[in-house]
């Protein structure tokens, strides 16, 4: 089965490429799982796709239009630590605009969109501002755009793996196990480059 999704990656200047997230048929639920990594955005109308990502300091915005039956996810990290750095903020702005525009290309309307936000963990005490900045940016951006935030989980001290069913809005969060500080180091070292991560999981939590 071929997805009709919009797949894109973006940098601070808005350039995108055709790099595709990993997509595989999960043996446990029979659904297509699409792994979204840092810098990627994925929008789909397929009813059997589950979007997944692993977040430390990064934030993922999961947005859908329940009427148009389209949804998607992005995954971004604001590089740097200066909250007034407009150059750094461009990464988050472009990630959000790419997701919203991708939804609208499939018939979504802003006034019907609903969002869930995840990530922004303060995993490393010495770098606690990174996660908080990402979380605050995401909340503020959606408020300015008039898009309702209906759920999610931001902040805390633990990285998490997220699964999101974009057509129904269902979300599930699993706390990532050991080496959480290493995850954040990789996020920071590779930002805004593409990364991949495989981590252990615990504490499966269903979020509605």
N, C-alpha and C. Protein backbone atom coordinates (compact mmCIF):
# COMPACT_ATOMS: atom_id res chain seq x y z
N UNK A 1 0.85 -1.20 0.00
CA UNK A 1 0.00 0.00 0.00
C UNK A 1 0.87 1.24 0.00
N UNK A 2 0.62 2.14 -0.86
CA UNK A 2 1.43 3.34 -0.97
C UNK A 2 0.72 4.51 -0.29
N UNK A 3 1.46 5.22 0.57
CA UNK A 3 0.89 6.37 1.26
C UNK A 3 0.77 7.56 0.31
N UNK A 4 -0.27 8.37 0.53
CA UNK A 4 -0.38 9.60 -0.25
C UNK A 4 0.07 10.79 0.58
N UNK A 5 1.01 10.53 1.49
CA UNK A 5 1.45 11.55 2.43
C UNK A 5 2.32 12.61 1.78
N UNK A 6 2.38 13.74 2.44
CA UNK A 6 3.34 14.78 2.12
C UNK A 6 4.52 14.60 3.05
N UNK A 7 5.71 14.40 2.51
CA UNK A 7 6.90 14.21 3.31
C UNK A 7 7.87 15.34 2.99
N UNK A 8 8.35 16.00 4.02
CA UNK A 8 9.27 17.10 3.75
C UNK A 8 10.21 17.31 4.91
N UNK A 9 11.38 17.82 4.61
CA UNK A 9 12.31 18.29 5.62
C UNK A 9 12.61 19.74 5.29
N UNK A 10 12.88 20.52 6.32
CA UNK A 10 13.13 21.93 6.08
C UNK A 10 14.29 22.44 6.91
N UNK A 11 14.97 23.45 6.40
CA UNK A 11 15.98 24.13 7.20
C UNK A 11 15.47 25.52 7.54
N UNK A 12 16.31 26.34 8.15
CA UNK A 12 15.85 27.65 8.62
C UNK A 12 15.46 28.57 7.47
N UNK A 13 15.92 28.28 6.26
CA UNK A 13 15.60 29.11 5.11
C UNK A 13 14.39 28.61 4.35
N UNK A 14 13.77 27.52 4.86
CA UNK A 14 12.57 27.02 4.22
C UNK A 14 12.83 26.02 3.12
N UNK A 15 14.11 25.68 2.87
CA UNK A 15 14.40 24.71 1.83
C UNK A 15 13.99 23.33 2.31
N UNK A 16 13.47 22.52 1.39
CA UNK A 16 13.10 21.16 1.78
C UNK A 16 13.69 20.18 0.78
N UNK A 17 13.71 18.92 1.19
CA UNK A 17 14.18 17.88 0.29
C UNK A 17 13.21 16.71 0.36
N UNK A 18 13.54 15.66 -0.37
CA UNK A 18 12.59 14.55 -0.49
C UNK A 18 12.95 13.39 0.44
N UNK A 19 13.80 13.64 1.44
CA UNK A 19 14.16 12.57 2.36
C UNK A 19 12.92 12.03 3.05
N UNK A 20 12.77 10.72 3.03
CA UNK A 20 11.56 10.10 3.56
C UNK A 20 11.82 9.47 4.91
N UNK A 21 10.89 9.63 5.85
CA UNK A 21 11.01 8.91 7.12
C UNK A 21 10.89 7.41 6.88
N UNK A 22 11.34 6.61 7.83
CA UNK A 22 11.22 5.17 7.75
C UNK A 22 9.76 4.78 7.96
N UNK A 23 9.23 3.94 7.08
CA UNK A 23 7.83 3.52 7.12
C UNK A 23 7.80 2.00 7.02
N UNK A 24 7.12 1.35 7.98
CA UNK A 24 7.11 -0.11 7.99
C UNK A 24 5.79 -0.61 8.55
N UNK A 25 5.43 -1.81 8.17
CA UNK A 25 4.22 -2.45 8.65
C UNK A 25 4.51 -3.09 10.00
N UNK A 26 3.87 -2.59 11.05
CA UNK A 26 4.14 -3.07 12.40
C UNK A 26 3.44 -4.41 12.63
N UNK A 27 4.16 -5.43 13.07
CA UNK A 27 3.54 -6.75 13.22
C UNK A 27 2.52 -6.83 14.36
N UNK A 28 2.61 -5.93 15.33
CA UNK A 28 1.72 -6.00 16.48
C UNK A 28 0.31 -5.50 16.20
N UNK A 29 0.19 -4.46 15.38
CA UNK A 29 -1.13 -3.89 15.14
C UNK A 29 -1.55 -3.87 13.68
N UNK A 30 -0.67 -4.30 12.78
CA UNK A 30 -1.01 -4.34 11.37
C UNK A 30 -1.11 -2.98 10.71
N UNK A 31 -0.63 -1.94 11.39
CA UNK A 31 -0.69 -0.58 10.85
C UNK A 31 0.68 -0.17 10.31
N UNK A 32 0.66 0.79 9.41
CA UNK A 32 1.90 1.34 8.90
C UNK A 32 2.42 2.38 9.90
N UNK A 33 3.61 2.15 10.45
CA UNK A 33 4.24 3.09 11.38
C UNK A 33 5.27 3.92 10.60
N UNK A 34 5.19 5.22 10.76
CA UNK A 34 6.08 6.14 10.06
C UNK A 34 6.93 6.85 11.10
N UNK A 35 8.23 6.66 11.05
CA UNK A 35 9.14 7.25 12.03
C UNK A 35 9.58 8.63 11.57
N UNK A 36 9.24 9.64 12.35
CA UNK A 36 9.59 11.03 12.04
C UNK A 36 10.81 11.41 12.85
N UNK A 37 11.83 11.93 12.21
CA UNK A 37 13.04 12.33 12.91
C UNK A 37 13.20 13.85 12.85
N UNK A 38 14.19 14.32 13.57
CA UNK A 38 14.40 15.76 13.70
C UNK A 38 14.49 16.45 12.35
N UNK A 39 13.71 17.51 12.18
CA UNK A 39 13.70 18.27 10.94
C UNK A 39 12.68 17.80 9.93
N UNK A 40 11.91 16.75 10.25
CA UNK A 40 10.96 16.20 9.29
C UNK A 40 9.52 16.60 9.63
N UNK A 41 8.71 16.64 8.59
CA UNK A 41 7.27 16.86 8.70
C UNK A 41 6.57 15.80 7.84
N UNK A 42 5.48 15.26 8.35
CA UNK A 42 4.75 14.22 7.61
C UNK A 42 3.26 14.50 7.73
N UNK A 43 2.57 14.55 6.61
CA UNK A 43 1.13 14.80 6.56
C UNK A 43 0.48 13.69 5.77
N UNK A 44 -0.64 13.16 6.26
CA UNK A 44 -1.26 12.02 5.59
C UNK A 44 -2.77 12.03 5.72
N UNK A 45 -3.41 11.36 4.79
CA UNK A 45 -4.86 11.10 4.86
C UNK A 45 -5.13 9.61 4.98
N UNK A 46 -4.09 8.80 5.15
CA UNK A 46 -4.26 7.35 5.23
C UNK A 46 -4.79 6.95 6.60
N UNK A 47 -5.86 6.16 6.66
CA UNK A 47 -6.45 5.79 7.95
C UNK A 47 -5.65 4.78 8.75
N UNK A 48 -4.70 4.08 8.10
CA UNK A 48 -3.98 3.03 8.80
C UNK A 48 -2.53 3.39 9.08
N UNK A 49 -2.22 4.69 9.14
CA UNK A 49 -0.86 5.12 9.44
C UNK A 49 -0.76 5.66 10.86
N UNK A 50 0.33 5.28 11.54
CA UNK A 50 0.64 5.77 12.87
C UNK A 50 1.98 6.49 12.79
N UNK A 51 2.02 7.74 13.24
CA UNK A 51 3.25 8.52 13.19
C UNK A 51 3.96 8.39 14.53
N UNK A 52 5.26 8.12 14.48
CA UNK A 52 6.02 7.92 15.71
C UNK A 52 7.28 8.77 15.70
N UNK A 53 7.72 9.14 16.90
CA UNK A 53 8.97 9.88 17.02
C UNK A 53 9.49 9.74 18.44
N UNK A 54 10.78 10.02 18.63
CA UNK A 54 11.41 10.02 19.95
C UNK A 54 11.89 11.43 20.24
N UNK A 55 11.52 11.96 21.41
CA UNK A 55 11.79 13.35 21.75
C UNK A 55 12.54 13.46 23.06
N UNK A 56 13.57 14.29 23.07
CA UNK A 56 14.22 14.69 24.29
C UNK A 56 13.88 16.15 24.53
N UNK A 57 14.79 17.03 24.15
CA UNK A 57 14.52 18.47 24.21
C UNK A 57 13.66 18.94 23.05
N UNK A 58 13.61 18.15 21.99
CA UNK A 58 12.81 18.52 20.82
C UNK A 58 11.32 18.53 21.14
N UNK A 59 10.55 19.14 20.25
CA UNK A 59 9.10 19.17 20.36
C UNK A 59 8.49 18.63 19.07
N UNK A 60 7.43 17.88 19.20
CA UNK A 60 6.63 17.44 18.06
C UNK A 60 5.24 18.04 18.18
N UNK A 61 4.79 18.69 17.12
CA UNK A 61 3.42 19.17 17.04
C UNK A 61 2.63 18.16 16.22
N UNK A 62 1.53 17.66 16.78
CA UNK A 62 0.63 16.74 16.09
C UNK A 62 -0.67 17.49 15.83
N UNK A 63 -0.97 17.75 14.58
CA UNK A 63 -2.13 18.57 14.24
C UNK A 63 -3.01 17.83 13.24
N UNK A 64 -4.33 17.95 13.39
CA UNK A 64 -5.25 17.33 12.46
C UNK A 64 -6.47 18.21 12.25
N UNK A 65 -7.18 17.93 11.16
CA UNK A 65 -8.49 18.49 10.90
C UNK A 65 -9.45 17.32 10.86
N UNK A 66 -10.31 17.16 11.87
CA UNK A 66 -11.18 15.99 11.93
C UNK A 66 -12.23 15.95 10.83
N UNK A 67 -12.56 17.09 10.25
CA UNK A 67 -13.56 17.13 9.18
C UNK A 67 -12.92 16.70 7.85
N UNK A 68 -11.77 17.27 7.54
CA UNK A 68 -11.06 16.93 6.30
C UNK A 68 -10.39 15.56 6.40
N UNK A 69 -10.30 15.02 7.61
CA UNK A 69 -9.66 13.73 7.85
C UNK A 69 -8.23 13.71 7.32
N UNK A 70 -7.47 14.67 7.82
CA UNK A 70 -6.06 14.76 7.48
C UNK A 70 -5.32 15.17 8.75
N UNK A 71 -4.13 14.64 8.91
CA UNK A 71 -3.34 14.99 10.08
C UNK A 71 -1.87 14.79 9.82
N UNK A 72 -1.05 15.29 10.74
CA UNK A 72 0.38 15.15 10.55
C UNK A 72 1.17 15.50 11.78
N UNK A 73 2.47 15.38 11.65
CA UNK A 73 3.40 15.61 12.76
C UNK A 73 4.66 16.27 12.23
N UNK A 74 5.25 17.16 13.04
CA UNK A 74 6.61 17.63 12.77
C UNK A 74 7.47 17.34 13.99
N UNK A 75 8.76 17.58 13.85
CA UNK A 75 9.73 17.32 14.92
C UNK A 75 10.84 18.34 14.76
N UNK A 76 10.97 19.24 15.75
CA UNK A 76 11.94 20.32 15.58
C UNK A 76 12.68 20.63 16.88
N UNK A 77 13.83 21.26 16.71
CA UNK A 77 14.64 21.74 17.82
C UNK A 77 15.12 23.14 17.46
N UNK A 78 14.92 24.08 18.38
CA UNK A 78 15.46 25.42 18.18
C UNK A 78 16.93 25.41 18.56
N UNK A 79 17.82 25.62 17.61
CA UNK A 79 19.25 25.60 17.96
C UNK A 79 19.63 26.84 18.75
N UNK A 80 20.62 26.71 19.60
CA UNK A 80 21.09 27.85 20.39
C UNK A 80 20.31 28.00 21.68
N UNK A 81 20.74 28.94 22.50
CA UNK A 81 20.13 29.13 23.82
C UNK A 81 19.58 30.53 24.01
N UNK A 82 19.75 31.42 23.05
CA UNK A 82 19.31 32.80 23.19
C UNK A 82 17.86 32.90 22.71
N UNK A 83 16.94 33.22 23.62
CA UNK A 83 15.52 33.27 23.28
C UNK A 83 15.19 34.41 22.32
N UNK A 84 16.12 35.35 22.13
CA UNK A 84 15.88 36.45 21.20
C UNK A 84 16.53 36.21 19.84
N UNK A 85 17.10 35.03 19.64
CA UNK A 85 17.80 34.69 18.40
C UNK A 85 16.77 34.39 17.31
N UNK A 86 16.50 35.36 16.46
CA UNK A 86 15.50 35.19 15.41
C UNK A 86 15.93 34.13 14.41
N UNK A 87 17.23 33.99 14.19
CA UNK A 87 17.72 32.99 13.25
C UNK A 87 17.36 31.60 13.76
N UNK A 88 17.53 31.38 15.06
CA UNK A 88 17.19 30.08 15.64
C UNK A 88 15.69 29.83 15.60
N UNK A 89 14.90 30.85 15.87
CA UNK A 89 13.45 30.69 15.88
C UNK A 89 12.91 30.31 14.51
N UNK A 90 13.65 30.64 13.45
CA UNK A 90 13.20 30.31 12.10
C UNK A 90 13.01 28.81 11.92
N UNK A 91 13.80 28.00 12.61
CA UNK A 91 13.65 26.56 12.46
C UNK A 91 12.27 26.12 12.92
N UNK A 92 11.84 26.61 14.09
CA UNK A 92 10.53 26.26 14.60
C UNK A 92 9.41 26.82 13.76
N UNK A 93 9.55 28.05 13.32
CA UNK A 93 8.52 28.69 12.50
C UNK A 93 8.32 27.90 11.21
N UNK A 94 9.41 27.56 10.54
CA UNK A 94 9.29 26.83 9.28
C UNK A 94 8.73 25.43 9.48
N UNK A 95 9.09 24.79 10.59
CA UNK A 95 8.55 23.46 10.87
C UNK A 95 7.04 23.53 11.06
N UNK A 96 6.56 24.54 11.78
CA UNK A 96 5.13 24.68 12.02
C UNK A 96 4.39 25.07 10.75
N UNK A 97 4.96 25.99 9.98
CA UNK A 97 4.29 26.42 8.75
C UNK A 97 4.25 25.30 7.73
N UNK A 98 5.31 24.50 7.67
CA UNK A 98 5.33 23.38 6.73
C UNK A 98 4.22 22.38 7.07
N UNK A 99 4.01 22.13 8.35
CA UNK A 99 2.97 21.20 8.76
C UNK A 99 1.58 21.77 8.46
N UNK A 100 1.35 23.02 8.84
CA UNK A 100 0.03 23.64 8.62
C UNK A 100 -0.28 23.74 7.14
N UNK A 101 0.70 24.17 6.35
CA UNK A 101 0.47 24.28 4.91
C UNK A 101 0.22 22.92 4.27
N UNK A 102 0.93 21.88 4.75
CA UNK A 102 0.69 20.54 4.23
C UNK A 102 -0.71 20.06 4.52
N UNK A 103 -1.22 20.38 5.71
CA UNK A 103 -2.60 20.02 6.05
C UNK A 103 -3.60 20.75 5.15
N UNK A 104 -3.36 22.03 4.93
CA UNK A 104 -4.27 22.83 4.12
C UNK A 104 -4.28 22.37 2.67
N UNK A 105 -3.17 21.86 2.19
CA UNK A 105 -3.12 21.32 0.83
C UNK A 105 -4.03 20.11 0.68
N UNK A 106 -4.39 19.49 1.79
CA UNK A 106 -5.29 18.34 1.77
C UNK A 106 -6.68 18.70 2.27
N UNK A 107 -7.02 19.97 2.22
CA UNK A 107 -8.38 20.39 2.54
C UNK A 107 -8.63 20.85 3.95
N UNK A 108 -7.61 20.87 4.80
CA UNK A 108 -7.80 21.31 6.18
C UNK A 108 -8.03 22.83 6.24
N UNK A 109 -8.76 23.25 7.26
CA UNK A 109 -8.98 24.67 7.52
C UNK A 109 -8.47 24.99 8.92
N UNK A 110 -7.85 26.16 9.06
CA UNK A 110 -7.25 26.55 10.34
C UNK A 110 -8.25 26.51 11.48
N UNK A 111 -9.48 26.98 11.24
CA UNK A 111 -10.45 27.06 12.33
C UNK A 111 -10.93 25.70 12.82
N UNK A 112 -10.61 24.64 12.07
CA UNK A 112 -10.99 23.30 12.49
C UNK A 112 -9.82 22.50 13.05
N UNK A 113 -8.63 23.03 12.93
CA UNK A 113 -7.44 22.29 13.35
C UNK A 113 -7.37 22.17 14.87
N UNK A 114 -6.87 21.02 15.32
CA UNK A 114 -6.62 20.80 16.74
C UNK A 114 -5.25 20.16 16.88
N UNK A 115 -4.54 20.55 17.93
CA UNK A 115 -3.15 20.14 18.09
C UNK A 115 -2.89 19.47 19.42
N UNK A 116 -1.90 18.59 19.40
CA UNK A 116 -1.33 18.04 20.62
C UNK A 116 0.18 18.27 20.54
N UNK A 117 0.78 18.68 21.65
CA UNK A 117 2.20 19.01 21.70
C UNK A 117 2.92 18.08 22.66
N UNK A 118 4.07 17.60 22.24
CA UNK A 118 4.85 16.69 23.06
C UNK A 118 6.32 17.09 23.05
N UNK A 119 7.03 16.74 24.12
CA UNK A 119 8.47 16.92 24.18
C UNK A 119 8.88 18.08 25.05
N UNK A 120 10.01 18.69 24.71
CA UNK A 120 10.51 19.82 25.48
C UNK A 120 11.00 19.43 26.86
N UNK A 121 11.54 18.22 27.00
CA UNK A 121 11.99 17.75 28.31
C UNK A 121 13.29 18.45 28.72
N UNK A 122 13.43 18.70 30.01
CA UNK A 122 14.66 19.25 30.56
C UNK A 122 15.50 18.08 31.08
N UNK A 123 16.05 17.34 30.14
CA UNK A 123 16.74 16.10 30.47
C UNK A 123 18.08 16.36 31.15
N UNK A 124 18.79 17.36 30.68
CA UNK A 124 20.11 17.67 31.23
C UNK A 124 20.03 18.98 32.01
N UNK A 125 20.39 18.93 33.28
CA UNK A 125 20.26 20.10 34.14
C UNK A 125 21.01 21.30 33.57
N UNK A 126 22.17 21.06 32.98
CA UNK A 126 22.98 22.17 32.46
C UNK A 126 22.37 22.79 31.21
N UNK A 127 21.42 22.08 30.59
CA UNK A 127 20.82 22.57 29.34
C UNK A 127 19.30 22.64 29.47
N UNK A 128 18.81 22.91 30.66
CA UNK A 128 17.37 22.86 30.91
C UNK A 128 16.60 23.88 30.09
N UNK A 129 17.24 24.95 29.68
CA UNK A 129 16.54 26.00 28.95
C UNK A 129 16.14 25.55 27.55
N UNK A 130 16.85 24.58 26.98
CA UNK A 130 16.59 24.16 25.61
C UNK A 130 15.17 23.60 25.47
N UNK A 131 14.84 22.63 26.29
CA UNK A 131 13.51 22.03 26.21
C UNK A 131 12.41 23.03 26.51
N UNK A 132 12.62 23.86 27.51
CA UNK A 132 11.61 24.86 27.88
C UNK A 132 11.36 25.84 26.76
N UNK A 133 12.40 26.25 26.07
CA UNK A 133 12.26 27.19 24.95
C UNK A 133 11.46 26.57 23.83
N UNK A 134 11.74 25.30 23.51
CA UNK A 134 11.00 24.63 22.45
C UNK A 134 9.51 24.54 22.79
N UNK A 135 9.22 24.18 24.05
CA UNK A 135 7.83 24.04 24.47
C UNK A 135 7.10 25.38 24.43
N UNK A 136 7.74 26.41 24.94
CA UNK A 136 7.10 27.73 24.97
C UNK A 136 6.88 28.25 23.56
N UNK A 137 7.84 28.04 22.68
CA UNK A 137 7.67 28.46 21.29
C UNK A 137 6.44 27.81 20.67
N UNK A 138 6.32 26.49 20.84
CA UNK A 138 5.20 25.77 20.22
C UNK A 138 3.86 26.27 20.75
N UNK A 139 3.75 26.44 22.06
CA UNK A 139 2.50 26.93 22.64
C UNK A 139 2.16 28.32 22.11
N UNK A 140 3.16 29.19 22.08
CA UNK A 140 2.93 30.57 21.65
C UNK A 140 2.55 30.62 20.17
N UNK A 141 3.24 29.83 19.34
CA UNK A 141 2.96 29.85 17.90
C UNK A 141 1.52 29.45 17.63
N UNK A 142 1.07 28.36 18.24
CA UNK A 142 -0.29 27.89 17.98
C UNK A 142 -1.32 28.87 18.53
N UNK A 143 -1.03 29.50 19.65
CA UNK A 143 -1.95 30.51 20.18
C UNK A 143 -2.09 31.67 19.21
N UNK A 144 -0.97 32.11 18.65
CA UNK A 144 -1.00 33.21 17.70
C UNK A 144 -1.74 32.83 16.41
N UNK A 145 -1.66 31.57 16.04
CA UNK A 145 -2.31 31.10 14.82
C UNK A 145 -3.77 30.74 15.05
N UNK A 146 -4.22 30.77 16.29
CA UNK A 146 -5.61 30.44 16.59
C UNK A 146 -5.92 28.96 16.47
N UNK A 147 -4.92 28.11 16.66
CA UNK A 147 -5.12 26.66 16.59
C UNK A 147 -5.21 26.11 18.01
N UNK A 148 -6.29 25.40 18.30
CA UNK A 148 -6.54 24.88 19.64
C UNK A 148 -5.56 23.77 20.00
N UNK A 149 -5.03 23.85 21.21
CA UNK A 149 -4.24 22.75 21.76
C UNK A 149 -5.17 21.93 22.65
N UNK A 150 -5.39 20.67 22.28
CA UNK A 150 -6.38 19.84 22.97
C UNK A 150 -5.74 18.75 23.81
N UNK A 151 -4.43 18.69 23.84
CA UNK A 151 -3.78 17.66 24.64
C UNK A 151 -2.29 17.63 24.40
N UNK A 152 -1.66 16.58 24.94
CA UNK A 152 -0.22 16.43 24.81
C UNK A 152 0.47 16.43 26.15
N UNK A 153 1.79 16.54 26.11
CA UNK A 153 2.58 16.53 27.34
C UNK A 153 3.92 17.20 27.05
N UNK A 154 4.16 18.34 27.69
CA UNK A 154 5.39 19.10 27.50
C UNK A 154 6.15 19.20 28.81
N UNK A 155 7.48 19.34 28.69
CA UNK A 155 8.30 19.55 29.87
C UNK A 155 8.68 18.26 30.55
N UNK A 156 8.88 18.33 31.86
CA UNK A 156 9.34 17.17 32.59
C UNK A 156 10.83 16.96 32.42
N UNK A 157 11.29 15.79 32.83
CA UNK A 157 12.72 15.51 32.77
C UNK A 157 13.03 14.25 31.97
N UNK A 158 12.01 13.58 31.46
CA UNK A 158 12.22 12.32 30.74
C UNK A 158 11.93 12.45 29.25
N UNK A 159 12.82 11.93 28.41
CA UNK A 159 12.48 11.81 26.98
C UNK A 159 11.31 10.87 26.81
N UNK A 160 10.65 10.98 25.67
CA UNK A 160 9.49 10.12 25.43
C UNK A 160 9.41 9.71 23.96
N UNK A 161 8.80 8.53 23.76
CA UNK A 161 8.43 8.10 22.42
C UNK A 161 6.95 8.37 22.25
N UNK A 162 6.57 8.95 21.11
CA UNK A 162 5.19 9.31 20.83
C UNK A 162 4.66 8.49 19.66
N UNK A 163 3.44 8.00 19.80
CA UNK A 163 2.70 7.43 18.68
C UNK A 163 1.43 8.24 18.50
N UNK A 164 1.16 8.62 17.26
CA UNK A 164 0.01 9.50 16.98
C UNK A 164 -0.75 8.96 15.78
N UNK A 165 -2.08 8.79 15.99
CA UNK A 165 -2.97 8.38 14.92
C UNK A 165 -3.61 9.64 14.34
N UNK A 166 -3.11 10.14 13.20
CA UNK A 166 -3.47 11.48 12.74
C UNK A 166 -4.93 11.67 12.35
N UNK A 167 -5.61 10.62 11.95
CA UNK A 167 -7.00 10.82 11.54
C UNK A 167 -7.96 10.84 12.72
N UNK A 168 -7.62 10.14 13.80
CA UNK A 168 -8.50 10.09 14.96
C UNK A 168 -8.05 11.03 16.07
N UNK A 169 -6.77 11.42 16.07
CA UNK A 169 -6.24 12.26 17.13
C UNK A 169 -5.75 11.50 18.34
N UNK A 170 -5.88 10.19 18.31
CA UNK A 170 -5.39 9.38 19.42
C UNK A 170 -3.87 9.51 19.53
N UNK A 171 -3.37 9.54 20.77
CA UNK A 171 -1.93 9.62 20.99
C UNK A 171 -1.54 8.73 22.15
N UNK A 172 -0.34 8.17 22.06
CA UNK A 172 0.19 7.34 23.14
C UNK A 172 1.62 7.76 23.42
N UNK A 173 1.95 7.86 24.69
CA UNK A 173 3.29 8.29 25.10
C UNK A 173 3.95 7.20 25.91
N UNK A 174 5.23 6.93 25.60
CA UNK A 174 6.02 5.96 26.33
C UNK A 174 7.32 6.61 26.76
N UNK A 175 7.63 6.52 28.04
CA UNK A 175 8.87 7.09 28.55
C UNK A 175 10.05 6.29 28.03
N UNK A 176 11.06 6.99 27.50
CA UNK A 176 12.26 6.34 26.99
C UNK A 176 13.14 5.96 28.16
N UNK A 177 13.81 4.82 28.03
CA UNK A 177 14.61 4.30 29.13
C UNK A 177 15.96 4.96 29.28
N UNK A 178 16.99 4.15 29.38
CA UNK A 178 18.32 4.64 29.74
C UNK A 178 18.93 5.51 28.64
N UNK A 179 20.06 6.17 29.01
CA UNK A 179 20.84 7.00 28.08
C UNK A 179 20.06 8.20 27.59
N UNK A 180 19.19 8.76 28.44
CA UNK A 180 18.40 9.91 28.03
C UNK A 180 19.28 11.13 27.77
N UNK A 181 20.32 11.30 28.55
CA UNK A 181 21.22 12.44 28.32
C UNK A 181 21.94 12.29 26.99
N UNK A 182 22.27 11.08 26.62
CA UNK A 182 22.91 10.85 25.33
C UNK A 182 21.98 11.21 24.19
N UNK A 183 20.68 10.95 24.36
CA UNK A 183 19.70 11.34 23.34
C UNK A 183 19.73 12.84 23.12
N UNK A 184 19.75 13.61 24.19
CA UNK A 184 19.75 15.06 24.06
C UNK A 184 21.06 15.54 23.46
N UNK A 185 22.17 14.92 23.82
CA UNK A 185 23.45 15.31 23.21
C UNK A 185 23.42 15.11 21.70
N UNK A 186 22.82 14.01 21.27
CA UNK A 186 22.71 13.78 19.83
C UNK A 186 21.80 14.80 19.17
N UNK A 187 20.70 15.14 19.83
CA UNK A 187 19.79 16.16 19.29
C UNK A 187 20.55 17.46 19.05
N UNK A 188 21.30 17.88 20.06
CA UNK A 188 22.00 19.15 19.97
C UNK A 188 23.15 19.09 18.97
N UNK A 189 23.86 17.97 18.94
CA UNK A 189 24.99 17.83 18.04
C UNK A 189 24.56 17.81 16.58
N UNK A 190 23.40 17.23 16.30
CA UNK A 190 22.96 17.05 14.92
C UNK A 190 22.00 18.13 14.45
N UNK A 191 21.48 18.94 15.34
CA UNK A 191 20.53 19.98 14.93
C UNK A 191 21.19 20.96 14.00
N UNK A 192 20.52 21.37 12.89
CA UNK A 192 19.22 20.89 12.47
C UNK A 192 19.31 19.73 11.48
N UNK A 193 20.36 18.90 11.62
CA UNK A 193 20.54 17.79 10.70
C UNK A 193 19.58 16.66 11.04
N UNK A 194 19.33 15.79 10.06
CA UNK A 194 18.48 14.64 10.27
C UNK A 194 19.17 13.67 11.20
N UNK A 195 18.39 13.04 12.11
CA UNK A 195 18.95 12.04 13.00
C UNK A 195 18.02 10.83 13.05
N UNK A 196 18.53 9.73 13.53
CA UNK A 196 17.69 8.58 13.82
C UNK A 196 18.06 8.08 15.20
N UNK A 197 17.11 7.45 15.88
CA UNK A 197 17.37 7.00 17.24
C UNK A 197 16.54 5.78 17.52
N UNK A 198 17.14 4.81 18.17
CA UNK A 198 16.43 3.66 18.67
C UNK A 198 16.66 3.61 20.16
N UNK A 199 15.58 3.58 20.96
CA UNK A 199 15.72 3.61 22.40
C UNK A 199 14.77 2.61 23.03
N UNK A 200 15.06 2.22 24.26
CA UNK A 200 14.17 1.33 24.99
C UNK A 200 13.00 2.13 25.53
N UNK A 201 11.91 1.42 25.93
CA UNK A 201 10.69 2.08 26.34
C UNK A 201 10.20 1.53 27.67
N UNK A 202 9.45 2.36 28.42
CA UNK A 202 8.75 1.90 29.60
C UNK A 202 7.63 2.88 29.87
N UNK A 203 6.74 2.53 30.77
CA UNK A 203 5.67 3.42 31.20
C UNK A 203 4.79 3.85 30.03
N UNK A 204 4.08 2.90 29.46
CA UNK A 204 3.17 3.15 28.35
C UNK A 204 1.94 3.89 28.87
N UNK A 205 1.69 5.09 28.31
CA UNK A 205 0.58 5.92 28.76
C UNK A 205 -0.29 6.29 27.57
N UNK A 206 -1.58 6.07 27.68
CA UNK A 206 -2.52 6.44 26.61
C UNK A 206 -3.00 7.86 26.87
N UNK A 207 -2.95 8.70 25.85
CA UNK A 207 -3.36 10.10 25.97
C UNK A 207 -4.49 10.39 25.01
N UNK A 208 -5.55 11.06 25.45
CA UNK A 208 -6.71 11.32 24.60
C UNK A 208 -6.91 12.81 24.43
